[in-house]
Amino acid sequence: ELPCVITLKVDGSSFGMIKHPDGKVEVCSRNLSLKETEGNTFWKIYHKYGMDKIPNGIALNGEVYGPGVNGNNLGETEHKLAAFNMYNLNDGRHLVQHHVMAFECDRFGVPVVKVLYKGTLKEKFKTIQDLIDFANIQKYPNGKAAEGIVIRPLTPRHSETLNKNLSVKVISENYKD
């Protein structure tokens, strides 16, 4: 059985930060590299969390959430970030072993997604319905139903079907857009 980590699915907007080996910085939404302009929320997040201190050759993915982002279901008063993936461009390694990625993010002051469970799925969940039920009971700190959960192997595992590292989302039946 494959050891995994289950994290809270944060309802926000996809964030990417790439510090190329040559020092060039890109801040991205899901599909676009964004120019640094006054008022750009994604660049504000980059500066808020001091990402300029992250070494060259690192890429980071996370979720930006807060006022004006997807209805702000977490009820935040300021924009925040929850990182969920880190990639070392210098040696081609994904740091998706959550504890390694969390350690690196903590070292640089970047918050990470909340861990709900670590272990094999069979230890805690006997059926798919058990996973759905687990997603259904998740709540954000403001009491609203969370979007759901994300399941990833502790050690990166490439999925031929997805053509990327394996990651499964279970959306809560209680989640409302």
C-alpha atoms as a PDB file:
ATOM      1  CA  GLU A   1       0.000   0.000   0.000  1.00  0.00           C
ATOM      2  CA  LEU A   2       1.251   3.431  -0.986  1.00  0.00           C
ATOM      3  CA  PRO A   3       1.805   5.899   1.904  1.00  0.00           C
ATOM      4  CA  CYS A   4       0.061   9.192   1.199  1.00  0.00           C
ATOM      5  CA  VAL A   5      -0.748  12.576   2.634  1.00  0.00           C
ATOM      6  CA  ILE A   6      -4.229  14.095   2.646  1.00  0.00           C
ATOM      7  CA  THR A   7      -4.440  17.874   2.782  1.00  0.00           C
ATOM      8  CA  LEU A   8      -7.268  20.376   2.954  1.00  0.00           C
ATOM      9  CA  LYS A   9      -8.334  21.687  -0.480  1.00  0.00           C
ATOM     10  CA  VAL A  10      -8.097  25.469  -0.228  1.00  0.00           C
ATOM     11  CA  ASP A  11     -10.678  27.370  -2.271  1.00  0.00           C
ATOM     12  CA  GLY A  12      -8.748  30.082  -4.057  1.00  0.00           C
ATOM     13  CA  SER A  13      -6.817  30.762  -7.214  1.00  0.00           C
ATOM     14  CA  SER A  14      -3.812  28.827  -8.530  1.00  0.00           C
ATOM     15  CA  PHE A  15      -0.453  30.510  -7.804  1.00  0.00           C
ATOM     16  CA  GLY A  16       2.950  29.710  -9.255  1.00  0.00           C
ATOM     17  CA  MET A  17       6.374  31.171  -8.582  1.00  0.00           C
ATOM     18  CA  ILE A  18       9.464  30.235 -10.563  1.00  0.00           C
ATOM     19  CA  LYS A  19      12.958  31.384  -9.671  1.00  0.00           C
ATOM     20  CA  HIS A  20      14.928  30.268 -12.672  1.00  0.00           C
ATOM     21  CA  PRO A  21      18.520  29.066 -12.173  1.00  0.00           C
ATOM     22  CA  ASP A  22      19.710  32.369 -13.701  1.00  0.00           C
ATOM     23  CA  GLY A  23      17.728  34.373 -11.088  1.00  0.00           C
ATOM     24  CA  LYS A  24      14.852  35.473 -13.352  1.00  0.00           C
ATOM     25  CA  VAL A  25      11.554  35.451 -11.428  1.00  0.00           C
ATOM     26  CA  GLU A  26       8.138  34.564 -12.811  1.00  0.00           C
ATOM     27  CA  VAL A  27       4.896  34.830 -10.859  1.00  0.00           C
ATOM     28  CA  CYS A  28       2.021  33.011 -12.504  1.00  0.00           C
ATOM     29  CA  SER A  29      -1.674  32.311 -12.368  1.00  0.00           C
ATOM     30  CA  ARG A  30      -2.788  28.882 -13.586  1.00  0.00           C
ATOM     31  CA  ASN A  31      -1.797  29.514 -17.212  1.00  0.00           C
ATOM     32  CA  LEU A  32      -0.194  32.950 -17.385  1.00  0.00           C
ATOM     33  CA  SER A  33       3.079  34.535 -16.369  1.00  0.00           C
ATOM     34  CA  LEU A  34       2.081  37.858 -14.796  1.00  0.00           C
ATOM     35  CA  LYS A  35       3.840  41.189 -15.080  1.00  0.00           C
ATOM     36  CA  GLU A  36       4.609  42.934 -11.828  1.00  0.00           C
ATOM     37  CA  THR A  37       2.130  45.782 -11.690  1.00  0.00           C
ATOM     38  CA  GLU A  38       0.767  47.881  -8.862  1.00  0.00           C
ATOM     39  CA  GLY A  39      -2.107  46.082  -7.178  1.00  0.00           C
ATOM     40  CA  ASN A  40      -1.383  42.636  -8.672  1.00  0.00           C
ATOM     41  CA  THR A  41      -2.440  40.214  -5.913  1.00  0.00           C
ATOM     42  CA  PHE A  42      -0.064  37.460  -7.027  1.00  0.00           C
ATOM     43  CA  TRP A  43       2.983  39.725  -6.917  1.00  0.00           C
ATOM     44  CA  LYS A  44       1.814  41.082  -3.564  1.00  0.00           C
ATOM     45  CA  ILE A  45       1.835  37.486  -2.280  1.00  0.00           C
ATOM     46  CA  TYR A  46       5.370  37.028  -3.646  1.00  0.00           C
ATOM     47  CA  HIS A  47       6.548  40.064  -1.662  1.00  0.00           C
ATOM     48  CA  LYS A  48       4.397  39.416   1.424  1.00  0.00           C
ATOM     49  CA  TYR A  49       6.066  36.051   1.992  1.00  0.00           C
ATOM     50  CA  GLY A  50       9.581  37.218   1.089  1.00  0.00           C
ATOM     51  CA  MET A  51       9.939  34.800  -1.795  1.00  0.00           C
ATOM     52  CA  ASP A  52      12.914  36.788  -3.036  1.00  0.00           C
ATOM     53  CA  LYS A  53      14.837  34.860  -0.325  1.00  0.00           C
ATOM     54  CA  ILE A  54      14.042  31.514  -1.957  1.00  0.00           C
ATOM     55  CA  PRO A  55      17.122  30.298  -3.842  1.00  0.00           C
ATOM     56  CA  ASN A  56      17.377  30.324  -7.617  1.00  0.00           C
ATOM     57  CA  GLY A  57      16.193  27.163  -9.323  1.00  0.00           C
ATOM     58  CA  ILE A  58      13.041  26.635  -7.225  1.00  0.00           C
ATOM     59  CA  ALA A  59       9.428  26.580  -8.418  1.00  0.00           C
ATOM     60  CA  LEU A  60       6.508  26.722  -6.013  1.00  0.00           C
ATOM     61  CA  ASN A  61       2.784  26.060  -6.476  1.00  0.00           C
ATOM     62  CA  GLY A  62       0.040  27.054  -4.106  1.00  0.00           C
ATOM     63  CA  GLU A  63      -3.379  28.565  -3.731  1.00  0.00           C
ATOM     64  CA  VAL A  64      -3.981  32.282  -3.167  1.00  0.00           C
ATOM     65  CA  TYR A  65      -7.112  33.021  -1.156  1.00  0.00           C
ATOM     66  CA  GLY A  66      -8.753  35.981   0.517  1.00  0.00           C
ATOM     67  CA  PRO A  67     -10.893  39.018  -0.367  1.00  0.00           C
ATOM     68  CA  GLY A  68     -12.119  39.014  -3.956  1.00  0.00           C
ATOM     69  CA  VAL A  69     -10.747  35.519  -4.718  1.00  0.00           C
ATOM     70  CA  ASN A  70     -13.407  32.918  -5.629  1.00  0.00           C
ATOM     71  CA  GLY A  71     -15.933  34.408  -3.242  1.00  0.00           C
ATOM     72  CA  ASN A  72     -13.498  34.301  -0.296  1.00  0.00           C
ATOM     73  CA  ASN A  73     -15.101  31.190   1.200  1.00  0.00           C
ATOM     74  CA  LEU A  74     -12.480  31.143   3.951  1.00  0.00           C
ATOM     75  CA  GLY A  75     -13.642  34.600   5.084  1.00  0.00           C
ATOM     76  CA  GLU A  76     -10.146  36.092   5.223  1.00  0.00           C
ATOM     77  CA  THR A  77      -9.535  39.825   5.598  1.00  0.00           C
ATOM     78  CA  GLU A  78      -6.244  39.743   3.685  1.00  0.00           C
ATOM     79  CA  HIS A  79      -4.739  37.712   0.850  1.00  0.00           C
ATOM     80  CA  LYS A  80      -2.873  34.574   1.898  1.00  0.00           C
ATOM     81  CA  LEU A  81      -1.092  31.626   0.333  1.00  0.00           C
ATOM     82  CA  ALA A  82      -1.151  27.895   1.012  1.00  0.00           C
ATOM     83  CA  ALA A  83       1.727  26.135  -0.804  1.00  0.00           C
ATOM     84  CA  PHE A  84       1.279  22.534  -1.903  1.00  0.00           C
ATOM     85  CA  ASN A  85       4.131  21.765  -4.281  1.00  0.00           C
ATOM     86  CA  MET A  86       7.802  22.648  -4.710  1.00  0.00           C
ATOM     87  CA  TYR A  87      10.132  21.700  -7.539  1.00  0.00           C
ATOM     88  CA  ASN A  88      13.908  21.964  -7.712  1.00  0.00           C
ATOM     89  CA  LEU A  89      14.723  23.057 -11.266  1.00  0.00           C
ATOM     90  CA  ASN A  90      18.452  22.523 -10.677  1.00  0.00           C
ATOM     91  CA  ASP A  91      18.190  18.764 -10.252  1.00  0.00           C
ATOM     92  CA  GLY A  92      14.683  18.021 -11.548  1.00  0.00           C
ATOM     93  CA  ARG A  93      13.290  16.872  -8.178  1.00  0.00           C
ATOM     94  CA  HIS A  94       9.751  17.392  -6.990  1.00  0.00           C
ATOM     95  CA  LEU A  95       9.731  18.063  -3.267  1.00  0.00           C
ATOM     96  CA  VAL A  96       6.237  16.674  -2.907  1.00  0.00           C
ATOM     97  CA  GLN A  97       7.135  14.540   0.058  1.00  0.00           C
ATOM     98  CA  HIS A  98       4.991  16.822   2.141  1.00  0.00           C
ATOM     99  CA  HIS A  99       7.301  16.982   5.156  1.00  0.00           C
ATOM    100  CA  VAL A 100      10.274  17.937   2.930  1.00  0.00           C
ATOM    101  CA  MET A 101       8.276  20.581   1.061  1.00  0.00           C
ATOM    102  CA  ALA A 102       6.815  21.889   4.340  1.00  0.00           C
ATOM    103  CA  PHE A 103      10.293  22.084   5.891  1.00  0.00           C
ATOM    104  CA  GLU A 104      11.627  24.054   2.919  1.00  0.00           C
ATOM    105  CA  CYS A 105       8.606  26.372   2.873  1.00  0.00           C
ATOM    106  CA  ASP A 106       8.868  26.936   6.634  1.00  0.00           C
ATOM    107  CA  ARG A 107      12.542  27.783   6.215  1.00  0.00           C
ATOM    108  CA  PHE A 108      11.501  30.637   3.909  1.00  0.00           C
ATOM    109  CA  GLY A 109       8.331  31.665   5.783  1.00  0.00           C
ATOM    110  CA  VAL A 110       5.885  30.368   3.158  1.00  0.00           C
ATOM    111  CA  PRO A 111       2.742  28.745   4.642  1.00  0.00           C
ATOM    112  CA  VAL A 112       1.644  25.306   3.440  1.00  0.00           C
ATOM    113  CA  VAL A 113      -1.683  23.520   3.097  1.00  0.00           C
ATOM    114  CA  LYS A 114      -3.087  21.893   6.234  1.00  0.00           C
ATOM    115  CA  VAL A 115      -2.304  18.181   6.622  1.00  0.00           C
ATOM    116  CA  LEU A 116      -5.340  16.138   7.636  1.00  0.00           C
ATOM    117  CA  TYR A 117      -3.866  12.613   7.473  1.00  0.00           C
ATOM    118  CA  LYS A 118      -0.615  10.780   6.729  1.00  0.00           C
ATOM    119  CA  GLY A 119      -0.446   7.037   6.192  1.00  0.00           C
ATOM    120  CA  THR A 120      -1.845   4.408   3.888  1.00  0.00           C
ATOM    121  CA  LEU A 121      -5.423   4.836   2.741  1.00  0.00           C
ATOM    122  CA  LYS A 122      -6.300   1.290   3.852  1.00  0.00           C
ATOM    123  CA  GLU A 123      -5.359   2.159   7.452  1.00  0.00           C
ATOM    124  CA  LYS A 124      -8.200   4.680   7.740  1.00  0.00           C
ATOM    125  CA  PHE A 125     -10.445   4.447   4.691  1.00  0.00           C
ATOM    126  CA  LYS A 126     -12.064   1.160   3.631  1.00  0.00           C
ATOM    127  CA  THR A 127     -14.130   2.502   0.734  1.00  0.00           C
ATOM    128  CA  ILE A 128     -14.383   5.446  -1.648  1.00  0.00           C
ATOM    129  CA  GLN A 129     -17.424   6.521   0.364  1.00  0.00           C
ATOM    130  CA  ASP A 130     -15.189   6.772   3.456  1.00  0.00           C
ATOM    131  CA  LEU A 131     -13.023   9.291   1.554  1.00  0.00           C
ATOM    132  CA  ILE A 132     -16.105  11.222   0.436  1.00  0.00           C
ATOM    133  CA  ASP A 133     -17.395  11.246   4.024  1.00  0.00           C
ATOM    134  CA  PHE A 134     -13.990  12.504   5.210  1.00  0.00           C
ATOM    135  CA  ALA A 135     -14.096  15.308   2.618  1.00  0.00           C
ATOM    136  CA  ASN A 136     -17.668  16.141   3.651  1.00  0.00           C
ATOM    137  CA  ILE A 137     -16.740  16.844   7.293  1.00  0.00           C
ATOM    138  CA  GLN A 138     -13.907  19.275   6.510  1.00  0.00           C
ATOM    139  CA  LYS A 139     -14.507  22.899   7.441  1.00  0.00           C
ATOM    140  CA  TYR A 140     -12.542  26.105   7.085  1.00  0.00           C
ATOM    141  CA  PRO A 141     -11.698  28.046  10.275  1.00  0.00           C
ATOM    142  CA  ASN A 142     -14.738  30.293   9.681  1.00  0.00           C
ATOM    143  CA  GLY A 143     -17.054  27.247   9.891  1.00  0.00           C
ATOM    144  CA  LYS A 144     -17.913  27.045   6.187  1.00  0.00           C
ATOM    145  CA  ALA A 145     -17.719  23.680   4.449  1.00  0.00           C
ATOM    146  CA  ALA A 146     -14.306  23.196   2.861  1.00  0.00           C
ATOM    147  CA  GLU A 147     -13.985  22.532  -0.854  1.00  0.00           C
ATOM    148  CA  GLY A 148     -12.661  19.048  -0.112  1.00  0.00           C
ATOM    149  CA  ILE A 149      -9.410  17.140   0.235  1.00  0.00           C
ATOM    150  CA  VAL A 150      -6.355  16.382  -1.905  1.00  0.00           C
ATOM    151  CA  ILE A 151      -4.610  13.002  -1.764  1.00  0.00           C
ATOM    152  CA  ARG A 152      -0.991  12.613  -2.898  1.00  0.00           C
ATOM    153  CA  PRO A 153       1.581   9.866  -2.457  1.00  0.00           C
ATOM    154  CA  LEU A 154       4.240  10.763   0.134  1.00  0.00           C
ATOM    155  CA  THR A 155       6.847   9.917  -2.484  1.00  0.00           C
ATOM    156  CA  PRO A 156       6.150  11.344  -5.967  1.00  0.00           C
ATOM    157  CA  ARG A 157       4.525   8.868  -8.321  1.00  0.00           C
ATOM    158  CA  HIS A 158       4.098   9.708 -12.013  1.00  0.00           C
ATOM    159  CA  SER A 159       0.695   8.851 -13.470  1.00  0.00           C
ATOM    160  CA  GLU A 160       0.761   7.811 -17.116  1.00  0.00           C
ATOM    161  CA  THR A 161      -2.981   8.541 -17.324  1.00  0.00           C
ATOM    162  CA  LEU A 162      -2.653  12.101 -15.997  1.00  0.00           C
ATOM    163  CA  ASN A 163       0.800  12.599 -17.541  1.00  0.00           C
ATOM    164  CA  LYS A 164       1.916  14.281 -14.314  1.00  0.00           C
ATOM    165  CA  ASN A 165       2.501  13.398 -10.680  1.00  0.00           C
ATOM    166  CA  LEU A 166      -0.413  11.589  -9.106  1.00  0.00           C
ATOM    167  CA  SER A 167      -2.856  13.753  -7.175  1.00  0.00           C
ATOM    168  CA  VAL A 168      -6.536  13.076  -6.459  1.00  0.00           C
ATOM    169  CA  LYS A 169      -9.126  15.595  -5.318  1.00  0.00           C
ATOM    170  CA  VAL A 170     -12.270  14.602  -3.459  1.00  0.00           C
ATOM    171  CA  ILE A 171     -14.746  17.477  -3.497  1.00  0.00           C
ATOM    172  CA  SER A 172     -17.080  17.798  -0.523  1.00  0.00           C
ATOM    173  CA  GLU A 173     -20.764  17.297  -1.218  1.00  0.00           C
ATOM    174  CA  ASN A 174     -21.352  20.148   1.270  1.00  0.00           C
ATOM    175  CA  TYR A 175     -19.219  22.625  -0.653  1.00  0.00           C
ATOM    176  CA  LYS A 176     -21.104  25.477  -2.283  1.00  0.00           C
ATOM    177  CA  ASP A 177     -19.674  27.805  -4.935  1.00  0.00           C
END
